[in-house]
Amino acid sequence: MRLIQKLLNLYISMSNKVIVRNGIGFPGLLFIVLLVCKLFGANIGWLWVFAPLWIPLVLTILFVIIFALYCFTQMKF
């Protein structure tokens, strides 16, 4: 009985592990590259330098709005 309890506790403790990924990611790296290019004289507009930061945000907001509209239209009153 104790062996089963130990194995069960081991399984539970192994399944509660949280994996955290730290890092800058592709948009952050692209922002840094574009920023360095801009600061060293490349002819890039500031809008496009910051594009890797605001484009994912805009796409996420649009997705949420479209999903909310879809759910609203599927509701039956």
Protein backbone atom coordinates (compact mmCIF):
# COMPACT_ATOMS: atom_id res chain seq x y z
CA MET A 1 0.00 0.00 0.00
CA ARG A 2 2.80 2.43 0.80
CA LEU A 3 4.49 1.72 -2.53
CA ILE A 4 1.32 2.62 -4.42
CA GLN A 5 0.96 5.78 -2.35
CA LYS A 6 4.58 6.79 -3.04
CA LEU A 7 4.17 6.16 -6.76
CA LEU A 8 0.95 8.14 -6.80
CA ASN A 9 2.60 11.05 -4.97
CA LEU A 10 5.54 10.90 -7.38
CA TYR A 11 3.17 11.03 -10.37
CA ILE A 12 1.26 13.96 -8.91
CA SER A 13 4.43 15.90 -8.12
CA MET A 14 5.82 15.26 -11.62
CA SER A 15 2.60 16.43 -13.31
CA ASN A 16 2.62 19.78 -11.46
CA LYS A 17 5.85 21.02 -13.01
CA VAL A 18 5.59 24.36 -14.77
CA ILE A 19 7.81 25.04 -17.75
CA VAL A 20 8.74 28.70 -18.13
CA ARG A 21 10.38 29.91 -21.30
CA ASN A 22 12.40 33.04 -20.86
CA GLY A 23 13.76 34.90 -23.81
CA ILE A 24 13.30 37.83 -26.05
CA GLY A 25 11.43 36.07 -28.85
CA PHE A 26 11.36 36.83 -32.55
CA PRO A 27 9.40 40.12 -32.41
CA GLY A 28 11.70 41.49 -29.71
CA LEU A 29 14.80 40.49 -31.63
CA LEU A 30 13.44 42.01 -34.83
CA PHE A 31 12.63 45.24 -32.96
CA ILE A 32 16.20 45.44 -31.63
CA VAL A 33 17.66 44.81 -35.10
CA LEU A 34 15.45 47.48 -36.69
CA LEU A 35 16.19 49.92 -33.86
CA VAL A 36 19.94 49.47 -34.25
CA CYS A 37 19.64 49.89 -38.01
CA LYS A 38 17.60 53.08 -37.53
CA LEU A 39 20.07 54.48 -35.00
CA PHE A 40 22.96 53.78 -37.36
CA GLY A 41 21.34 55.72 -40.17
CA ALA A 42 19.12 53.33 -42.11
CA ASN A 43 16.20 54.98 -43.86
CA ILE A 44 13.45 53.20 -41.91
CA GLY A 45 10.40 54.98 -40.54
CA TRP A 46 9.79 54.83 -36.81
CA LEU A 47 6.41 53.23 -37.48
CA TRP A 48 8.15 50.20 -39.00
CA VAL A 49 10.83 50.11 -36.32
CA PHE A 50 8.11 49.62 -33.72
CA ALA A 51 5.99 47.37 -35.98
CA PRO A 52 7.21 44.10 -34.37
CA LEU A 53 5.74 45.38 -31.11
CA TRP A 54 2.38 46.74 -32.25
CA ILE A 55 1.42 44.37 -35.08
CA PRO A 56 0.97 41.30 -32.81
CA LEU A 57 -1.06 43.44 -30.40
CA VAL A 58 -3.33 44.71 -33.19
CA LEU A 59 -3.78 41.19 -34.59
CA THR A 60 -4.69 39.87 -31.14
CA ILE A 61 -7.24 42.64 -30.59
CA LEU A 62 -8.77 42.02 -34.04
CA PHE A 63 -8.97 38.30 -33.34
CA VAL A 64 -10.73 38.91 -30.03
CA ILE A 65 -13.20 41.33 -31.65
CA ILE A 66 -13.96 38.92 -34.51
CA PHE A 67 -14.36 36.01 -32.08
CA ALA A 68 -16.66 38.08 -29.85
CA LEU A 69 -18.78 39.12 -32.84
CA TYR A 70 -18.99 35.50 -34.00
CA CYS A 71 -20.08 34.34 -30.53
CA PHE A 72 -22.60 37.17 -30.31
CA THR A 73 -24.16 36.27 -33.68
CA GLN A 74 -24.43 32.59 -32.64
CA MET A 75 -26.39 33.42 -29.50
CA LYS A 76 -30.07 32.57 -29.65
CA PHE A 77 -32.43 35.00 -27.99
